[in-house]
């Protein structure tokens, strides 16, 4: 089973359907409908942290260095 849609076209008179784990056909979104569209903003270049700081922070890019809060009132650090 190929989920990428690269299966060969069915022979004349035959149909191809993908089956779920229960053996039932998977639903189709319909003609012309997309399942998802990703939108990823462009990251602008910035001066990275020094490698030691980047290792500690988990990223070398300051704009990606976001706060992380543990549940229960703890802090990261």
PDB file of N, CA and C in Angstrom:
ATOM      1  N   UNK A   1       0.847  -1.167   0.000  1.00  0.00           N
ATOM      2  CA  UNK A   1       0.000   0.000   0.000  1.00  0.00           C
ATOM      3  C   UNK A   1       0.897   1.236   0.000  1.00  0.00           C
ATOM      4  N   UNK A   2       0.638   2.155  -0.921  1.00  0.00           N
ATOM      5  CA  UNK A   2       1.397   3.392  -1.036  1.00  0.00           C
ATOM      6  C   UNK A   2       0.491   4.559  -0.674  1.00  0.00           C
ATOM      7  N   UNK A   3       0.823   5.289   0.389  1.00  0.00           N
ATOM      8  CA  UNK A   3       0.027   6.441   0.780  1.00  0.00           C
ATOM      9  C   UNK A   3       0.425   7.706   0.027  1.00  0.00           C
ATOM     10  N   UNK A   4       1.493   7.619  -0.766  1.00  0.00           N
ATOM     11  CA  UNK A   4       1.971   8.798  -1.475  1.00  0.00           C
ATOM     12  C   UNK A   4       1.208   9.052  -2.764  1.00  0.00           C
ATOM     13  N   UNK A   5       0.302   8.174  -3.135  1.00  0.00           N
ATOM     14  CA  UNK A   5      -0.460   8.352  -4.364  1.00  0.00           C
ATOM     15  C   UNK A   5       0.311   7.928  -5.597  1.00  0.00           C
ATOM     16  N   UNK A   6       1.375   7.143  -5.421  1.00  0.00           N
ATOM     17  CA  UNK A   6       2.199   6.761  -6.557  1.00  0.00           C
ATOM     18  C   UNK A   6       1.877   5.355  -7.069  1.00  0.00           C
ATOM     19  N   UNK A   7       0.706   4.849  -6.746  1.00  0.00           N
ATOM     20  CA  UNK A   7       0.322   3.532  -7.237  1.00  0.00           C
ATOM     21  C   UNK A   7       0.029   3.618  -8.723  1.00  0.00           C
ATOM     22  N   UNK A   8       0.274   2.533  -9.449  1.00  0.00           N
ATOM     23  CA  UNK A   8      -0.049   2.548 -10.875  1.00  0.00           C
ATOM     24  C   UNK A   8      -1.559   2.668 -11.072  1.00  0.00           C
ATOM     25  N   UNK A   9      -1.938   3.219 -12.211  1.00  0.00           N
ATOM     26  CA  UNK A   9      -3.355   3.341 -12.522  1.00  0.00           C
ATOM     27  C   UNK A   9      -3.967   1.945 -12.626  1.00  0.00           C
ATOM     28  N   UNK A  10      -5.212   1.794 -12.140  1.00  0.00           N
ATOM     29  CA  UNK A  10      -5.838   0.473 -12.226  1.00  0.00           C
ATOM     30  C   UNK A  10      -6.111   0.092 -13.674  1.00  0.00           C
ATOM     31  N   UNK A  11      -6.090  -1.199 -13.913  1.00  0.00           N
ATOM     32  CA  UNK A  11      -6.410  -1.693 -15.248  1.00  0.00           C
ATOM     33  C   UNK A  11      -7.871  -1.421 -15.533  1.00  0.00           C
ATOM     34  N   UNK A  12      -8.216  -1.438 -16.758  1.00  0.00           N
ATOM     35  CA  UNK A  12      -9.588  -1.163 -17.176  1.00  0.00           C
ATOM     36  C   UNK A  12     -10.572  -2.058 -16.425  1.00  0.00           C
ATOM     37  N   UNK A  13     -11.593  -1.437 -15.808  1.00  0.00           N
ATOM     38  CA  UNK A  13     -12.613  -2.198 -15.111  1.00  0.00           C
ATOM     39  C   UNK A  13     -12.288  -2.503 -13.663  1.00  0.00           C
ATOM     40  N   UNK A  14     -11.075  -2.174 -13.199  1.00  0.00           N
ATOM     41  CA  UNK A  14     -10.689  -2.451 -11.818  1.00  0.00           C
ATOM     42  C   UNK A  14     -10.577  -1.139 -11.044  1.00  0.00           C
ATOM     43  N   UNK A  15     -10.871  -1.178  -9.763  1.00  0.00           N
ATOM     44  CA  UNK A  15     -10.716   0.005  -8.922  1.00  0.00           C
ATOM     45  C   UNK A  15      -9.689  -0.283  -7.835  1.00  0.00           C
ATOM     46  N   UNK A  16      -9.016   0.745  -7.400  1.00  0.00           N
ATOM     47  CA  UNK A  16      -8.033   0.626  -6.333  1.00  0.00           C
ATOM     48  C   UNK A  16      -8.521   1.478  -5.170  1.00  0.00           C
ATOM     49  N   UNK A  17      -8.580   0.903  -3.962  1.00  0.00           N
ATOM     50  CA  UNK A  17      -8.948   1.677  -2.785  1.00  0.00           C
ATOM     51  C   UNK A  17      -8.002   1.320  -1.653  1.00  0.00           C
ATOM     52  N   UNK A  18      -7.663   2.318  -0.860  1.00  0.00           N
ATOM     53  CA  UNK A  18      -6.816   2.091   0.308  1.00  0.00           C
ATOM     54  C   UNK A  18      -7.701   1.618   1.447  1.00  0.00           C
ATOM     55  N   UNK A  19      -7.213   0.666   2.220  1.00  0.00           N
ATOM     56  CA  UNK A  19      -7.991   0.116   3.314  1.00  0.00           C
ATOM     57  C   UNK A  19      -7.377   0.501   4.645  1.00  0.00           C
ATOM     58  N   UNK A  20      -8.229   0.755   5.620  1.00  0.00           N
ATOM     59  CA  UNK A  20      -7.745   1.040   6.964  1.00  0.00           C
ATOM     60  C   UNK A  20      -7.384  -0.272   7.631  1.00  0.00           C
ATOM     61  N   UNK A  21      -6.887  -0.214   8.863  1.00  0.00           N
ATOM     62  CA  UNK A  21      -6.522  -1.421   9.594  1.00  0.00           C
ATOM     63  C   UNK A  21      -7.694  -2.363   9.798  1.00  0.00           C
ATOM     64  N   UNK A  22      -8.925  -1.831   9.783  1.00  0.00           N
ATOM     65  CA  UNK A  22     -10.108  -2.671   9.974  1.00  0.00           C
ATOM     66  C   UNK A  22     -10.601  -3.271   8.665  1.00  0.00           C
ATOM     67  N   UNK A  23      -9.949  -2.939   7.552  1.00  0.00           N
ATOM     68  CA  UNK A  23     -10.357  -3.482   6.267  1.00  0.00           C
ATOM     69  C   UNK A  23     -11.382  -2.625   5.547  1.00  0.00           C
ATOM     70  N   UNK A  24     -11.832  -1.540   6.177  1.00  0.00           N
ATOM     71  CA  UNK A  24     -12.795  -0.649   5.526  1.00  0.00           C
ATOM     72  C   UNK A  24     -12.039   0.372   4.684  1.00  0.00           C
ATOM     73  N   UNK A  25     -12.635   0.857   3.598  1.00  0.00           N
ATOM     74  CA  UNK A  25     -11.962   1.881   2.781  1.00  0.00           C
ATOM     75  C   UNK A  25     -11.759   3.167   3.574  1.00  0.00           C
ATOM     76  N   UNK A  26     -10.627   3.818   3.346  1.00  0.00           N
ATOM     77  CA  UNK A  26     -10.349   5.098   3.993  1.00  0.00           C
ATOM     78  C   UNK A  26     -11.187   6.189   3.325  1.00  0.00           C
ATOM     79  N   UNK A  27     -11.643   7.173   4.093  1.00  0.00           N
ATOM     80  CA  UNK A  27     -12.432   8.243   3.487  1.00  0.00           C
ATOM     81  C   UNK A  27     -11.572   9.105   2.576  1.00  0.00           C
ATOM     82  N   UNK A  28     -12.190   9.644   1.555  1.00  0.00           N
ATOM     83  CA  UNK A  28     -11.506  10.510   0.608  1.00  0.00           C
ATOM     84  C   UNK A  28     -11.938  11.945   0.860  1.00  0.00           C
ATOM     85  N   UNK A  29     -11.015  12.927   0.789  1.00  0.00           N
ATOM     86  CA  UNK A  29     -11.417  14.307   1.011  1.00  0.00           C
ATOM     87  C   UNK A  29     -12.273  14.857  -0.120  1.00  0.00           C
ATOM     88  N   UNK A  30     -12.311  14.180  -1.225  1.00  0.00           N
ATOM     89  CA  UNK A  30     -13.102  14.640  -2.361  1.00  0.00           C
ATOM     90  C   UNK A  30     -12.233  15.329  -3.384  1.00  0.00           C
ATOM     91  N   UNK A  31     -12.760  15.503  -4.578  1.00  0.00           N
ATOM     92  CA  UNK A  31     -11.957  16.119  -5.640  1.00  0.00           C
ATOM     93  C   UNK A  31     -11.688  17.593  -5.356  1.00  0.00           C
ATOM     94  N   UNK A  32     -10.454  17.997  -5.539  1.00  0.00           N
ATOM     95  CA  UNK A  32     -10.072  19.389  -5.387  1.00  0.00           C
ATOM     96  C   UNK A  32      -9.857  19.857  -3.959  1.00  0.00           C
ATOM     97  N   UNK A  33      -9.957  18.970  -2.971  1.00  0.00           N
ATOM     98  CA  UNK A  33      -9.764  19.364  -1.585  1.00  0.00           C
ATOM     99  C   UNK A  33      -8.393  18.925  -1.098  1.00  0.00           C
ATOM    100  N   UNK A  34      -7.736  19.776  -0.316  1.00  0.00           N
ATOM    101  CA  UNK A  34      -6.440  19.459   0.272  1.00  0.00           C
ATOM    102  C   UNK A  34      -6.646  19.032   1.715  1.00  0.00           C
ATOM    103  N   UNK A  35      -5.842  18.092   2.186  1.00  0.00           N
ATOM    104  CA  UNK A  35      -5.919  17.684   3.575  1.00  0.00           C
ATOM    105  C   UNK A  35      -5.302  18.726   4.494  1.00  0.00           C
ATOM    106  N   UNK A  36      -4.226  19.374   4.048  1.00  0.00           N
ATOM    107  CA  UNK A  36      -3.566  20.377   4.886  1.00  0.00           C
ATOM    108  C   UNK A  36      -2.676  21.255   4.023  1.00  0.00           C
ATOM    109  N   UNK A  37      -2.454  22.455   4.486  1.00  0.00           N
ATOM    110  CA  UNK A  37      -1.518  23.366   3.838  1.00  0.00           C
ATOM    111  C   UNK A  37      -0.632  23.941   4.938  1.00  0.00           C
ATOM    112  N   UNK A  38       0.674  23.763   4.804  1.00  0.00           N
ATOM    113  CA  UNK A  38       1.613  24.264   5.817  1.00  0.00           C
ATOM    114  C   UNK A  38       2.043  25.683   5.466  1.00  0.00           C
ATOM    115  N   UNK A  39       2.150  26.509   6.468  1.00  0.00           N
ATOM    116  CA  UNK A  39       2.643  27.865   6.298  1.00  0.00           C
ATOM    117  C   UNK A  39       3.764  28.071   7.311  1.00  0.00           C
ATOM    118  N   UNK A  40       4.981  28.191   6.813  1.00  0.00           N
ATOM    119  CA  UNK A  40       6.146  28.336   7.684  1.00  0.00           C
ATOM    120  C   UNK A  40       6.796  29.680   7.382  1.00  0.00           C
ATOM    121  N   UNK A  41       6.832  30.582   8.363  1.00  0.00           N
ATOM    122  CA  UNK A  41       7.427  31.894   8.099  1.00  0.00           C
ATOM    123  C   UNK A  41       8.934  31.795   7.860  1.00  0.00           C
ATOM    124  N   UNK A  42       9.435  32.680   7.041  1.00  0.00           N
ATOM    125  CA  UNK A  42      10.864  32.724   6.744  1.00  0.00           C
ATOM    126  C   UNK A  42      11.601  33.256   7.976  1.00  0.00           C
ATOM    127  N   UNK A  43      12.664  32.568   8.364  1.00  0.00           N
ATOM    128  CA  UNK A  43      13.473  33.013   9.492  1.00  0.00           C
ATOM    129  C   UNK A  43      14.572  33.923   8.964  1.00  0.00           C
ATOM    130  N   UNK A  44      14.628  35.139   9.480  1.00  0.00           N
ATOM    131  CA  UNK A  44      15.660  36.078   9.063  1.00  0.00           C
ATOM    132  C   UNK A  44      16.980  35.730   9.738  1.00  0.00           C
ATOM    133  N   UNK A  45      18.087  36.008   9.053  1.00  0.00           N
ATOM    134  CA  UNK A  45      19.404  35.716   9.605  1.00  0.00           C
ATOM    135  C   UNK A  45      19.702  36.669  10.750  1.00  0.00           C
ATOM    136  N   UNK A  46      20.307  36.150  11.789  1.00  0.00           N
ATOM    137  CA  UNK A  46      20.753  36.944  12.925  1.00  0.00           C
ATOM    138  C   UNK A  46      22.057  36.352  13.437  1.00  0.00           C
ATOM    139  N   UNK A  47      22.803  37.144  14.169  1.00  0.00           N
ATOM    140  CA  UNK A  47      24.063  36.669  14.728  1.00  0.00           C
ATOM    141  C   UNK A  47      23.772  35.569  15.744  1.00  0.00           C
ATOM    142  N   UNK A  48      24.323  34.381  15.538  1.00  0.00           N
ATOM    143  CA  UNK A  48      24.037  33.281  16.467  1.00  0.00           C
ATOM    144  C   UNK A  48      24.796  33.422  17.778  1.00  0.00           C
ATOM    145  N   UNK A  49      24.302  32.694  18.787  1.00  0.00           N
ATOM    146  CA  UNK A  49      25.019  32.619  20.059  1.00  0.00           C
ATOM    147  C   UNK A  49      26.359  31.920  19.853  1.00  0.00           C
ATOM    148  N   UNK A  50      27.262  32.114  20.805  1.00  0.00           N
ATOM    149  CA  UNK A  50      28.479  31.315  20.831  1.00  0.00           C
ATOM    150  C   UNK A  50      28.067  29.862  21.033  1.00  0.00           C
ATOM    151  N   UNK A  51      28.858  28.888  20.543  1.00  0.00           N
ATOM    152  CA  UNK A  51      28.464  27.476  20.661  1.00  0.00           C
ATOM    153  C   UNK A  51      28.149  27.026  22.085  1.00  0.00           C
ATOM    154  N   UNK A  52      28.916  27.479  23.083  1.00  0.00           N
ATOM    155  CA  UNK A  52      28.659  27.055  24.464  1.00  0.00           C
ATOM    156  C   UNK A  52      27.307  27.576  24.959  1.00  0.00           C
ATOM    157  N   UNK A  53      26.977  28.821  24.616  1.00  0.00           N
ATOM    158  CA  UNK A  53      25.688  29.403  25.010  1.00  0.00           C
ATOM    159  C   UNK A  53      24.561  28.693  24.269  1.00  0.00           C
ATOM    160  N   UNK A  54      24.748  28.443  22.979  1.00  0.00           N
ATOM    161  CA  UNK A  54      23.743  27.741  22.188  1.00  0.00           C
ATOM    162  C   UNK A  54      23.453  26.349  22.721  1.00  0.00           C
ATOM    163  N   UNK A  55      24.474  25.655  23.180  1.00  0.00           N
ATOM    164  CA  UNK A  55      24.285  24.321  23.750  1.00  0.00           C
ATOM    165  C   UNK A  55      23.464  24.398  25.033  1.00  0.00           C
ATOM    166  N   UNK A  56      23.751  25.389  25.857  1.00  0.00           N
ATOM    167  CA  UNK A  56      23.008  25.559  27.115  1.00  0.00           C
ATOM    168  C   UNK A  56      21.555  25.949  26.859  1.00  0.00           C
ATOM    169  N   UNK A  57      21.339  26.839  25.879  1.00  0.00           N
ATOM    170  CA  UNK A  57      19.997  27.346  25.601  1.00  0.00           C
ATOM    171  C   UNK A  57      19.181  26.394  24.718  1.00  0.00           C
ATOM    172  N   UNK A  58      19.842  25.496  24.014  1.00  0.00           N
ATOM    173  CA  UNK A  58      19.130  24.570  23.130  1.00  0.00           C
ATOM    174  C   UNK A  58      18.934  25.097  21.726  1.00  0.00           C
ATOM    175  N   UNK A  59      19.465  26.266  21.418  1.00  0.00           N
ATOM    176  CA  UNK A  59      19.408  26.854  20.082  1.00  0.00           C
ATOM    177  C   UNK A  59      20.523  27.872  19.950  1.00  0.00           C
ATOM    178  N   UNK A  60      21.010  28.053  18.747  1.00  0.00           N
ATOM    179  CA  UNK A  60      22.034  29.072  18.524  1.00  0.00           C
ATOM    180  C   UNK A  60      21.414  30.389  18.056  1.00  0.00           C
ATOM    181  N   UNK A  61      20.099  30.394  17.799  1.00  0.00           N
ATOM    182  CA  UNK A  61      19.435  31.603  17.304  1.00  0.00           C
ATOM    183  C   UNK A  61      18.655  32.284  18.422  1.00  0.00           C
ATOM    184  N   UNK A  62      18.997  33.531  18.764  1.00  0.00           N
ATOM    185  CA  UNK A  62      18.313  34.229  19.852  1.00  0.00           C
ATOM    186  C   UNK A  62      16.792  34.331  19.666  1.00  0.00           C
ATOM    187  N   UNK A  63      16.313  34.497  18.441  1.00  0.00           N
ATOM    188  CA  UNK A  63      14.866  34.635  18.240  1.00  0.00           C
ATOM    189  C   UNK A  63      14.112  33.335  18.500  1.00  0.00           C
ATOM    190  N   UNK A  64      14.820  32.212  18.521  1.00  0.00           N
ATOM    191  CA  UNK A  64      14.185  30.925  18.822  1.00  0.00           C
ATOM    192  C   UNK A  64      14.362  30.531  20.286  1.00  0.00           C
ATOM    193  N   UNK A  65      15.041  31.349  21.049  1.00  0.00           N
ATOM    194  CA  UNK A  65      15.290  31.075  22.466  1.00  0.00           C
ATOM    195  C   UNK A  65      14.076  31.534  23.268  1.00  0.00           C
ATOM    196  N   UNK A  66      13.091  30.669  23.372  1.00  0.00           N
ATOM    197  CA  UNK A  66      11.837  31.002  24.024  1.00  0.00           C
ATOM    198  C   UNK A  66      11.794  30.407  25.428  1.00  0.00           C
ATOM    199  N   UNK A  67      11.052  31.035  26.331  1.00  0.00           N
ATOM    200  CA  UNK A  67      10.981  30.505  27.702  1.00  0.00           C
ATOM    201  C   UNK A  67      10.283  29.155  27.753  1.00  0.00           C
ATOM    202  N   UNK A  68      10.712  28.322  28.645  1.00  0.00           N
ATOM    203  CA  UNK A  68      10.115  27.006  28.861  1.00  0.00           C
ATOM    204  C   UNK A  68       9.702  26.918  30.313  1.00  0.00           C
ATOM    205  N   UNK A  69       8.437  26.670  30.554  1.00  0.00           N
ATOM    206  CA  UNK A  69       7.927  26.604  31.905  1.00  0.00           C
ATOM    207  C   UNK A  69       7.505  25.178  32.221  1.00  0.00           C
ATOM    208  N   UNK A  70       8.015  24.642  33.310  1.00  0.00           N
ATOM    209  CA  UNK A  70       7.592  23.325  33.759  1.00  0.00           C
ATOM    210  C   UNK A  70       6.263  23.451  34.471  1.00  0.00           C
ATOM    211  N   UNK A  71       5.445  22.395  34.404  1.00  0.00           N
ATOM    212  CA  UNK A  71       4.186  22.436  35.134  1.00  0.00           C
ATOM    213  C   UNK A  71       4.460  22.314  36.623  1.00  0.00           C
ATOM    214  N   UNK A  72       3.613  22.851  37.427  1.00  0.00           N
ATOM    215  CA  UNK A  72       3.786  22.773  38.865  1.00  0.00           C
ATOM    216  C   UNK A  72       4.569  23.927  39.446  1.00  0.00           C
ATOM    217  N   UNK A  73       4.819  24.974  38.651  1.00  0.00           N
ATOM    218  CA  UNK A  73       5.470  26.155  39.188  1.00  0.00           C
ATOM    219  C   UNK A  73       6.982  26.131  39.137  1.00  0.00           C
ATOM    220  N   UNK A  74       7.582  25.071  38.572  1.00  0.00           N
ATOM    221  CA  UNK A  74       9.035  25.013  38.476  1.00  0.00           C
ATOM    222  C   UNK A  74       9.532  25.912  37.358  1.00  0.00           C
ATOM    223  N   UNK A  75      10.819  26.143  37.325  1.00  0.00           N
ATOM    224  CA  UNK A  75      11.422  26.933  36.254  1.00  0.00           C
ATOM    225  C   UNK A  75      12.514  26.126  35.588  1.00  0.00           C
ATOM    226  N   UNK A  76      12.807  26.482  34.371  1.00  0.00           N
ATOM    227  CA  UNK A  76      13.862  25.831  33.608  1.00  0.00           C
ATOM    228  C   UNK A  76      15.183  26.524  33.932  1.00  0.00           C
ATOM    229  N   UNK A  77      16.166  25.768  34.331  1.00  0.00           N
ATOM    230  CA  UNK A  77      17.455  26.406  34.578  1.00  0.00           C
ATOM    231  C   UNK A  77      18.161  25.704  35.617  1.00  0.00           C
TER     232      UNK A  77
END
